[in-house]
């Protein structure tokens, strides 16, 4: 089933009744927007207790994918660089430096 809705001026969406019923979504239920390609997926957030999460990653791959570590380290370095630049800019705007 697919449906089309219009984003309101307050950036709100109306979820059509047929979709709500098919998905069994209720008023007040928490939903997550998950980026996917050029759009998003709308998924219900599981209502889990902390105890239910125990062992959820059991058997998960422990190795880092080839090249991922380099990407993560480069991203950390870029984040540090941006923080320094931001700090310098704030110092200038505060009349410091």
PDB file of N, CA and C in Angstrom:
ATOM      1  N   UNK A   1       0.842  -1.177   0.000  1.00  0.00           N
ATOM      2  CA  UNK A   1       0.000   0.000   0.000  1.00  0.00           C
ATOM      3  C   UNK A   1       0.882   1.234   0.000  1.00  0.00           C
ATOM      4  N   UNK A   2       0.535   2.211  -0.791  1.00  0.00           N
ATOM      5  CA  UNK A   2       1.255   3.476  -0.779  1.00  0.00           C
ATOM      6  C   UNK A   2       0.240   4.597  -0.638  1.00  0.00           C
ATOM      7  N   UNK A   3       0.700   5.724  -0.143  1.00  0.00           N
ATOM      8  CA  UNK A   3      -0.168   6.876   0.039  1.00  0.00           C
ATOM      9  C   UNK A   3       0.675   8.129  -0.110  1.00  0.00           C
ATOM     10  N   UNK A   4       0.032   9.216  -0.443  1.00  0.00           N
ATOM     11  CA  UNK A   4       0.703  10.497  -0.581  1.00  0.00           C
ATOM     12  C   UNK A   4       0.071  11.475   0.394  1.00  0.00           C
ATOM     13  N   UNK A   5       0.920  12.240   1.093  1.00  0.00           N
ATOM     14  CA  UNK A   5       0.435  13.258   2.025  1.00  0.00           C
ATOM     15  C   UNK A   5       1.170  14.562   1.745  1.00  0.00           C
ATOM     16  N   UNK A   6       0.660  15.650   2.300  1.00  0.00           N
ATOM     17  CA  UNK A   6       1.272  16.961   2.127  1.00  0.00           C
ATOM     18  C   UNK A   6       1.792  17.451   3.465  1.00  0.00           C
ATOM     19  N   UNK A   7       3.007  17.938   3.468  1.00  0.00           N
ATOM     20  CA  UNK A   7       3.618  18.496   4.669  1.00  0.00           C
ATOM     21  C   UNK A   7       2.964  19.839   4.973  1.00  0.00           C
ATOM     22  N   UNK A   8       2.449  20.015   6.198  1.00  0.00           N
ATOM     23  CA  UNK A   8       1.751  21.252   6.555  1.00  0.00           C
ATOM     24  C   UNK A   8       2.739  22.393   6.794  1.00  0.00           C
ATOM     25  N   UNK A   9       2.201  23.611   6.942  1.00  0.00           N
ATOM     26  CA  UNK A   9       3.053  24.770   7.238  1.00  0.00           C
ATOM     27  C   UNK A   9       3.768  24.616   8.564  1.00  0.00           C
ATOM     28  N   UNK A  10       3.241  23.795   9.456  1.00  0.00           N
ATOM     29  CA  UNK A  10       3.873  23.524  10.750  1.00  0.00           C
ATOM     30  C   UNK A  10       4.760  22.279  10.680  1.00  0.00           C
ATOM     31  N   UNK A  11       5.026  21.811   9.468  1.00  0.00           N
ATOM     32  CA  UNK A  11       5.851  20.629   9.210  1.00  0.00           C
ATOM     33  C   UNK A  11       5.261  19.371   9.837  1.00  0.00           C
ATOM     34  N   UNK A  12       3.949  19.258   9.804  1.00  0.00           N
ATOM     35  CA  UNK A  12       3.267  18.079  10.315  1.00  0.00           C
ATOM     36  C   UNK A  12       2.761  17.241   9.154  1.00  0.00           C
ATOM     37  N   UNK A  13       2.664  15.937   9.397  1.00  0.00           N
ATOM     38  CA  UNK A  13       2.129  15.011   8.408  1.00  0.00           C
ATOM     39  C   UNK A  13       0.884  14.338   8.975  1.00  0.00           C
ATOM     40  N   UNK A  14      -0.081  14.089   8.121  1.00  0.00           N
ATOM     41  CA  UNK A  14      -1.260  13.318   8.482  1.00  0.00           C
ATOM     42  C   UNK A  14      -1.051  11.923   7.916  1.00  0.00           C
ATOM     43  N   UNK A  15      -1.092  10.919   8.771  1.00  0.00           N
ATOM     44  CA  UNK A  15      -0.929   9.537   8.309  1.00  0.00           C
ATOM     45  C   UNK A  15      -2.316   9.001   7.980  1.00  0.00           C
ATOM     46  N   UNK A  16      -2.548   8.624   6.732  1.00  0.00           N
ATOM     47  CA  UNK A  16      -3.875   8.147   6.330  1.00  0.00           C
ATOM     48  C   UNK A  16      -4.362   6.972   7.181  1.00  0.00           C
ATOM     49  N   UNK A  17      -5.650   6.944   7.422  1.00  0.00           N
ATOM     50  CA  UNK A  17      -6.268   5.923   8.264  1.00  0.00           C
ATOM     51  C   UNK A  17      -5.927   4.511   7.782  1.00  0.00           C
ATOM     52  N   UNK A  18      -5.960   4.286   6.472  1.00  0.00           N
ATOM     53  CA  UNK A  18      -5.678   2.946   5.941  1.00  0.00           C
ATOM     54  C   UNK A  18      -4.262   2.498   6.315  1.00  0.00           C
ATOM     55  N   UNK A  19      -3.309   3.426   6.282  1.00  0.00           N
ATOM     56  CA  UNK A  19      -1.925   3.100   6.650  1.00  0.00           C
ATOM     57  C   UNK A  19      -1.833   2.832   8.150  1.00  0.00           C
ATOM     58  N   UNK A  20      -2.456   3.706   8.952  1.00  0.00           N
ATOM     59  CA  UNK A  20      -2.439   3.511  10.416  1.00  0.00           C
ATOM     60  C   UNK A  20      -3.021   2.161  10.804  1.00  0.00           C
ATOM     61  N   UNK A  21      -4.135   1.811  10.167  1.00  0.00           N
ATOM     62  CA  UNK A  21      -4.780   0.541  10.493  1.00  0.00           C
ATOM     63  C   UNK A  21      -3.948  -0.652  10.045  1.00  0.00           C
ATOM     64  N   UNK A  22      -3.388  -0.570   8.837  1.00  0.00           N
ATOM     65  CA  UNK A  22      -2.577  -1.674   8.329  1.00  0.00           C
ATOM     66  C   UNK A  22      -1.349  -1.887   9.211  1.00  0.00           C
ATOM     67  N   UNK A  23      -0.726  -0.802   9.644  1.00  0.00           N
ATOM     68  CA  UNK A  23       0.478  -0.891  10.464  1.00  0.00           C
ATOM     69  C   UNK A  23       0.161  -1.057  11.952  1.00  0.00           C
ATOM     70  N   UNK A  24      -1.108  -0.912  12.302  1.00  0.00           N
ATOM     71  CA  UNK A  24      -1.568  -0.995  13.692  1.00  0.00           C
ATOM     72  C   UNK A  24      -0.888   0.058  14.563  1.00  0.00           C
ATOM     73  N   UNK A  25      -0.744   1.273  14.019  1.00  0.00           N
ATOM     74  CA  UNK A  25      -0.164   2.387  14.769  1.00  0.00           C
ATOM     75  C   UNK A  25      -1.265   3.058  15.576  1.00  0.00           C
ATOM     76  N   UNK A  26      -0.887   3.500  16.777  1.00  0.00           N
ATOM     77  CA  UNK A  26      -1.833   4.139  17.684  1.00  0.00           C
ATOM     78  C   UNK A  26      -1.408   5.582  17.956  1.00  0.00           C
ATOM     79  N   UNK A  27      -2.359   6.421  18.340  1.00  0.00           N
ATOM     80  CA  UNK A  27      -2.053   7.806  18.716  1.00  0.00           C
ATOM     81  C   UNK A  27      -1.051   7.786  19.867  1.00  0.00           C
ATOM     82  N   UNK A  28      -0.042   8.636  19.800  1.00  0.00           N
ATOM     83  CA  UNK A  28       0.974   8.724  20.840  1.00  0.00           C
ATOM     84  C   UNK A  28       2.129   7.759  20.653  1.00  0.00           C
ATOM     85  N   UNK A  29       2.023   6.864  19.690  1.00  0.00           N
ATOM     86  CA  UNK A  29       3.096   5.908  19.442  1.00  0.00           C
ATOM     87  C   UNK A  29       4.302   6.642  18.856  1.00  0.00           C
ATOM     88  N   UNK A  30       5.493   6.278  19.310  1.00  0.00           N
ATOM     89  CA  UNK A  30       6.717   6.916  18.834  1.00  0.00           C
ATOM     90  C   UNK A  30       7.162   6.268  17.522  1.00  0.00           C
ATOM     91  N   UNK A  31       7.467   7.112  16.524  1.00  0.00           N
ATOM     92  CA  UNK A  31       7.914   6.657  15.215  1.00  0.00           C
ATOM     93  C   UNK A  31       9.278   7.271  14.918  1.00  0.00           C
ATOM     94  N   UNK A  32      10.107   6.553  14.168  1.00  0.00           N
ATOM     95  CA  UNK A  32      11.447   7.039  13.815  1.00  0.00           C
ATOM     96  C   UNK A  32      11.517   7.282  12.314  1.00  0.00           C
ATOM     97  N   UNK A  33      12.150   8.400  11.935  1.00  0.00           N
ATOM     98  CA  UNK A  33      12.435   8.694  10.536  1.00  0.00           C
ATOM     99  C   UNK A  33      13.843   8.195  10.257  1.00  0.00           C
ATOM    100  N   UNK A  34      13.994   7.268   9.333  1.00  0.00           N
ATOM    101  CA  UNK A  34      15.281   6.660   9.024  1.00  0.00           C
ATOM    102  C   UNK A  34      15.672   7.046   7.595  1.00  0.00           C
ATOM    103  N   UNK A  35      16.775   7.824   7.439  1.00  0.00           N
ATOM    104  CA  UNK A  35      17.194   8.223   6.092  1.00  0.00           C
ATOM    105  C   UNK A  35      17.439   7.001   5.209  1.00  0.00           C
ATOM    106  N   UNK A  36      16.930   7.055   3.991  1.00  0.00           N
ATOM    107  CA  UNK A  36      17.079   5.943   3.054  1.00  0.00           C
ATOM    108  C   UNK A  36      17.119   6.506   1.644  1.00  0.00           C
ATOM    109  N   UNK A  37      18.293   6.516   1.024  1.00  0.00           N
ATOM    110  CA  UNK A  37      18.416   7.059  -0.324  1.00  0.00           C
ATOM    111  C   UNK A  37      17.989   8.510  -0.350  1.00  0.00           C
ATOM    112  N   UNK A  38      17.062   8.855  -1.227  1.00  0.00           N
ATOM    113  CA  UNK A  38      16.572  10.221  -1.336  1.00  0.00           C
ATOM    114  C   UNK A  38      15.354  10.490  -0.473  1.00  0.00           C
ATOM    115  N   UNK A  39      15.004   9.578   0.404  1.00  0.00           N
ATOM    116  CA  UNK A  39      13.815   9.748   1.242  1.00  0.00           C
ATOM    117  C   UNK A  39      14.046   9.224   2.648  1.00  0.00           C
ATOM    118  N   UNK A  40      12.970   8.856   3.309  1.00  0.00           N
ATOM    119  CA  UNK A  40      13.055   8.313   4.661  1.00  0.00           C
ATOM    120  C   UNK A  40      12.073   7.152   4.818  1.00  0.00           C
ATOM    121  N   UNK A  41      12.408   6.267   5.737  1.00  0.00           N
ATOM    122  CA  UNK A  41      11.482   5.216   6.153  1.00  0.00           C
ATOM    123  C   UNK A  41      10.862   5.663   7.465  1.00  0.00           C
ATOM    124  N   UNK A  42       9.610   5.402   7.654  1.00  0.00           N
ATOM    125  CA  UNK A  42       8.926   5.718   8.901  1.00  0.00           C
ATOM    126  C   UNK A  42       8.665   4.398   9.610  1.00  0.00           C
ATOM    127  N   UNK A  43       9.334   4.221  10.761  1.00  0.00           N
ATOM    128  CA  UNK A  43       9.262   2.945  11.475  1.00  0.00           C
ATOM    129  C   UNK A  43       8.861   3.168  12.921  1.00  0.00           C
ATOM    130  N   UNK A  44       8.056   2.269  13.497  1.00  0.00           N
ATOM    131  CA  UNK A  44       7.732   2.394  14.918  1.00  0.00           C
ATOM    132  C   UNK A  44       8.969   2.103  15.769  1.00  0.00           C
ATOM    133  N   UNK A  45       9.111   2.860  16.848  1.00  0.00           N
ATOM    134  CA  UNK A  45      10.210   2.632  17.783  1.00  0.00           C
ATOM    135  C   UNK A  45       9.759   1.512  18.719  1.00  0.00           C
ATOM    136  N   UNK A  46      10.557   0.448  18.822  1.00  0.00           N
ATOM    137  CA  UNK A  46      10.158  -0.666  19.696  1.00  0.00           C
ATOM    138  C   UNK A  46      10.031  -0.206  21.143  1.00  0.00           C
ATOM    139  N   UNK A  47       9.025  -0.685  21.810  1.00  0.00           N
ATOM    140  CA  UNK A  47       8.798  -0.373  23.220  1.00  0.00           C
ATOM    141  C   UNK A  47       9.431  -1.492  24.044  1.00  0.00           C
ATOM    142  N   UNK A  48      10.749  -1.367  24.247  1.00  0.00           N
ATOM    143  CA  UNK A  48      11.496  -2.418  24.928  1.00  0.00           C
ATOM    144  C   UNK A  48      12.000  -1.954  26.285  1.00  0.00           C
ATOM    145  N   UNK A  49      12.034  -2.857  27.210  1.00  0.00           N
ATOM    146  CA  UNK A  49      12.655  -2.605  28.505  1.00  0.00           C
ATOM    147  C   UNK A  49      14.140  -2.925  28.377  1.00  0.00           C
ATOM    148  N   UNK A  50      14.961  -2.345  29.232  1.00  0.00           N
ATOM    149  CA  UNK A  50      16.405  -2.540  29.181  1.00  0.00           C
ATOM    150  C   UNK A  50      16.768  -4.020  29.245  1.00  0.00           C
ATOM    151  N   UNK A  51      16.054  -4.777  30.042  1.00  0.00           N
ATOM    152  CA  UNK A  51      16.344  -6.207  30.181  1.00  0.00           C
ATOM    153  C   UNK A  51      16.138  -6.955  28.862  1.00  0.00           C
ATOM    154  N   UNK A  52      15.243  -6.479  28.027  1.00  0.00           N
ATOM    155  CA  UNK A  52      14.966  -7.138  26.756  1.00  0.00           C
ATOM    156  C   UNK A  52      16.108  -6.962  25.761  1.00  0.00           C
ATOM    157  N   UNK A  53      16.977  -5.984  26.012  1.00  0.00           N
ATOM    158  CA  UNK A  53      18.095  -5.738  25.115  1.00  0.00           C
ATOM    159  C   UNK A  53      19.312  -6.601  25.437  1.00  0.00           C
ATOM    160  N   UNK A  54      19.305  -7.256  26.571  1.00  0.00           N
ATOM    161  CA  UNK A  54      20.435  -8.103  26.961  1.00  0.00           C
ATOM    162  C   UNK A  54      20.671  -9.176  25.906  1.00  0.00           C
ATOM    163  N   UNK A  55      21.910  -9.261  25.403  1.00  0.00           N
ATOM    164  CA  UNK A  55      22.289 -10.267  24.431  1.00  0.00           C
ATOM    165  C   UNK A  55      21.888  -9.949  23.001  1.00  0.00           C
ATOM    166  N   UNK A  56      21.394  -8.748  22.750  1.00  0.00           N
ATOM    167  CA  UNK A  56      20.901  -8.411  21.410  1.00  0.00           C
ATOM    168  C   UNK A  56      21.995  -8.494  20.348  1.00  0.00           C
ATOM    169  N   UNK A  57      23.252  -8.241  20.747  1.00  0.00           N
ATOM    170  CA  UNK A  57      24.353  -8.256  19.776  1.00  0.00           C
ATOM    171  C   UNK A  57      25.132  -9.575  19.808  1.00  0.00           C
ATOM    172  N   UNK A  58      24.618 -10.553  20.515  1.00  0.00           N
ATOM    173  CA  UNK A  58      25.315 -11.831  20.608  1.00  0.00           C
ATOM    174  C   UNK A  58      25.510 -12.427  19.209  1.00  0.00           C
ATOM    175  N   UNK A  59      26.743 -12.771  18.910  1.00  0.00           N
ATOM    176  CA  UNK A  59      27.062 -13.349  17.614  1.00  0.00           C
ATOM    177  C   UNK A  59      27.320 -12.322  16.526  1.00  0.00           C
ATOM    178  N   UNK A  60      27.255 -11.045  16.875  1.00  0.00           N
ATOM    179  CA  UNK A  60      27.505 -10.000  15.875  1.00  0.00           C
ATOM    180  C   UNK A  60      28.968 -10.003  15.470  1.00  0.00           C
ATOM    181  N   UNK A  61      29.237  -9.542  14.244  1.00  0.00           N
ATOM    182  CA  UNK A  61      30.618  -9.468  13.758  1.00  0.00           C
ATOM    183  C   UNK A  61      31.404  -8.493  14.612  1.00  0.00           C
ATOM    184  N   UNK A  62      32.601  -8.896  14.996  1.00  0.00           N
ATOM    185  CA  UNK A  62      33.429  -8.052  15.848  1.00  0.00           C
ATOM    186  C   UNK A  62      34.504  -7.318  15.068  1.00  0.00           C
ATOM    187  N   UNK A  63      34.836  -7.814  13.890  1.00  0.00           N
ATOM    188  CA  UNK A  63      35.905  -7.186  13.115  1.00  0.00           C
ATOM    189  C   UNK A  63      35.402  -5.912  12.451  1.00  0.00           C
ATOM    190  N   UNK A  64      36.319  -5.008  12.235  1.00  0.00           N
ATOM    191  CA  UNK A  64      35.995  -3.755  11.553  1.00  0.00           C
ATOM    192  C   UNK A  64      36.115  -3.993  10.051  1.00  0.00           C
ATOM    193  N   UNK A  65      35.167  -3.484   9.306  1.00  0.00           N
ATOM    194  CA  UNK A  65      35.206  -3.650   7.857  1.00  0.00           C
ATOM    195  C   UNK A  65      36.459  -2.995   7.294  1.00  0.00           C
ATOM    196  N   UNK A  66      37.051  -3.563   6.245  1.00  0.00           N
ATOM    197  CA  UNK A  66      38.259  -2.987   5.657  1.00  0.00           C
ATOM    198  C   UNK A  66      38.052  -1.527   5.276  1.00  0.00           C
ATOM    199  N   UNK A  67      38.973  -0.681   5.736  1.00  0.00           N
ATOM    200  CA  UNK A  67      38.921   0.735   5.406  1.00  0.00           C
ATOM    201  C   UNK A  67      38.051   1.566   6.332  1.00  0.00           C
ATOM    202  N   UNK A  68      37.164   0.927   7.095  1.00  0.00           N
ATOM    203  CA  UNK A  68      36.262   1.676   7.960  1.00  0.00           C
ATOM    204  C   UNK A  68      37.016   2.398   9.068  1.00  0.00           C
ATOM    205  N   UNK A  69      38.009   1.737   9.628  1.00  0.00           N
ATOM    206  CA  UNK A  69      38.785   2.355  10.701  1.00  0.00           C
ATOM    207  C   UNK A  69      39.437   3.648  10.205  1.00  0.00           C
ATOM    208  N   UNK A  70      39.995   3.636   8.988  1.00  0.00           N
ATOM    209  CA  UNK A  70      40.615   4.836   8.428  1.00  0.00           C
ATOM    210  C   UNK A  70      39.592   5.956   8.256  1.00  0.00           C
ATOM    211  N   UNK A  71      38.399   5.604   7.797  1.00  0.00           N
ATOM    212  CA  UNK A  71      37.340   6.595   7.610  1.00  0.00           C
ATOM    213  C   UNK A  71      36.944   7.199   8.950  1.00  0.00           C
ATOM    214  N   UNK A  72      36.782   6.358   9.961  1.00  0.00           N
ATOM    215  CA  UNK A  72      36.398   6.843  11.287  1.00  0.00           C
ATOM    216  C   UNK A  72      37.468   7.745  11.886  1.00  0.00           C
ATOM    217  N   UNK A  73      38.732   7.365  11.742  1.00  0.00           N
ATOM    218  CA  UNK A  73      39.819   8.193  12.264  1.00  0.00           C
ATOM    219  C   UNK A  73      39.888   9.526  11.537  1.00  0.00           C
ATOM    220  N   UNK A  74      39.690   9.512  10.228  1.00  0.00           N
ATOM    221  CA  UNK A  74      39.701  10.751   9.449  1.00  0.00           C
ATOM    222  C   UNK A  74      38.546  11.643   9.881  1.00  0.00           C
ATOM    223  N   UNK A  75      37.390  11.041  10.144  1.00  0.00           N
ATOM    224  CA  UNK A  75      36.224  11.801  10.576  1.00  0.00           C
ATOM    225  C   UNK A  75      36.486  12.429  11.944  1.00  0.00           C
ATOM    226  N   UNK A  76      37.127  11.673  12.855  1.00  0.00           N
ATOM    227  CA  UNK A  76      37.480  12.211  14.173  1.00  0.00           C
ATOM    228  C   UNK A  76      38.419  13.399  14.032  1.00  0.00           C
ATOM    229  N   UNK A  77      39.409  13.278  13.145  1.00  0.00           N
ATOM    230  CA  UNK A  77      40.364  14.363  12.934  1.00  0.00           C
ATOM    231  C   UNK A  77      39.650  15.591  12.388  1.00  0.00           C
ATOM    232  N   UNK A  78      38.724  15.403  11.461  1.00  0.00           N
ATOM    233  CA  UNK A  78      37.974  16.527  10.885  1.00  0.00           C
ATOM    234  C   UNK A  78      37.097  17.175  11.950  1.00  0.00           C
ATOM    235  N   UNK A  79      36.491  16.386  12.822  1.00  0.00           N
ATOM    236  CA  UNK A  79      35.665  16.919  13.901  1.00  0.00           C
ATOM    237  C   UNK A  79      36.520  17.772  14.834  1.00  0.00           C
ATOM    238  N   UNK A  80      37.722  17.274  15.180  1.00  0.00           N
ATOM    239  CA  UNK A  80      38.635  18.042  16.029  1.00  0.00           C
ATOM    240  C   UNK A  80      39.011  19.357  15.358  1.00  0.00           C
ATOM    241  N   UNK A  81      39.288  19.313  14.059  1.00  0.00           N
ATOM    242  CA  UNK A  81      39.654  20.513  13.316  1.00  0.00           C
ATOM    243  C   UNK A  81      38.512  21.531  13.336  1.00  0.00           C
ATOM    244  N   UNK A  82      37.284  21.075  13.125  1.00  0.00           N
ATOM    245  CA  UNK A  82      36.136  21.969  13.137  1.00  0.00           C
ATOM    246  C   UNK A  82      35.926  22.588  14.522  1.00  0.00           C
ATOM    247  N   UNK A  83      36.167  21.812  15.570  1.00  0.00           N
ATOM    248  CA  UNK A  83      36.030  22.331  16.931  1.00  0.00           C
ATOM    249  C   UNK A  83      37.042  23.445  17.189  1.00  0.00           C
ATOM    250  N   UNK A  84      38.281  23.263  16.726  1.00  0.00           N
ATOM    251  CA  UNK A  84      39.308  24.289  16.892  1.00  0.00           C
ATOM    252  C   UNK A  84      38.919  25.547  16.126  1.00  0.00           C
ATOM    253  N   UNK A  85      38.467  25.384  14.883  1.00  0.00           N
ATOM    254  CA  UNK A  85      38.060  26.533  14.071  1.00  0.00           C
ATOM    255  C   UNK A  85      36.894  27.271  14.722  1.00  0.00           C
ATOM    256  N   UNK A  86      35.937  26.520  15.242  1.00  0.00           N
ATOM    257  CA  UNK A  86      34.783  27.125  15.896  1.00  0.00           C
ATOM    258  C   UNK A  86      35.221  27.906  17.134  1.00  0.00           C
ATOM    259  N   UNK A  87      36.137  27.332  17.891  1.00  0.00           N
ATOM    260  CA  UNK A  87      36.648  27.987  19.092  1.00  0.00           C
ATOM    261  C   UNK A  87      37.342  29.300  18.731  1.00  0.00           C
ATOM    262  N   UNK A  88      38.143  29.295  17.669  1.00  0.00           N
ATOM    263  CA  UNK A  88      38.827  30.509  17.223  1.00  0.00           C
ATOM    264  C   UNK A  88      37.818  31.572  16.794  1.00  0.00           C
ATOM    265  N   UNK A  89      36.801  31.165  16.047  1.00  0.00           N
ATOM    266  CA  UNK A  89      35.779  32.106  15.583  1.00  0.00           C
ATOM    267  C   UNK A  89      35.024  32.710  16.749  1.00  0.00           C
ATOM    268  N   UNK A  90      34.697  31.922  17.750  1.00  0.00           N
ATOM    269  CA  UNK A  90      34.009  32.422  18.939  1.00  0.00           C
ATOM    270  C   UNK A  90      34.894  33.414  19.674  1.00  0.00           C
ATOM    271  N   UNK A  91      36.208  33.122  19.730  1.00  0.00           N
ATOM    272  CA  UNK A  91      37.138  34.038  20.398  1.00  0.00           C
ATOM    273  C   UNK A  91      37.157  35.393  19.707  1.00  0.00           C
ATOM    274  N   UNK A  92      37.127  35.382  18.372  1.00  0.00           N
ATOM    275  CA  UNK A  92      37.133  36.639  17.607  1.00  0.00           C
ATOM    276  C   UNK A  92      35.824  37.404  17.833  1.00  0.00           C
ATOM    277  N   UNK A  93      34.712  36.684  17.843  1.00  0.00           N
ATOM    278  CA  UNK A  93      33.424  37.368  17.986  1.00  0.00           C
ATOM    279  C   UNK A  93      33.229  37.884  19.423  1.00  0.00           C
ATOM    280  N   UNK A  94      33.959  37.302  20.392  1.00  0.00           N
ATOM    281  CA  UNK A  94      33.877  37.764  21.782  1.00  0.00           C
ATOM    282  C   UNK A  94      34.875  38.877  22.046  1.00  0.00           C
ATOM    283  N   UNK A  95      35.645  39.262  21.027  1.00  0.00           N
ATOM    284  CA  UNK A  95      36.647  40.286  21.188  1.00  0.00           C
ATOM    285  C   UNK A  95      37.948  39.751  21.730  1.00  0.00           C
ATOM    286  N   UNK A  96      38.098  38.425  21.736  1.00  0.00           N
ATOM    287  CA  UNK A  96      39.312  37.782  22.228  1.00  0.00           C
ATOM    288  C   UNK A  96      40.107  37.333  21.010  1.00  0.00           C
ATOM    289  N   UNK A  97      41.398  37.623  20.969  1.00  0.00           N
ATOM    290  CA  UNK A  97      42.249  37.136  19.880  1.00  0.00           C
ATOM    291  C   UNK A  97      42.122  37.942  18.704  1.00  0.00           C
TER     292      UNK A  97
END
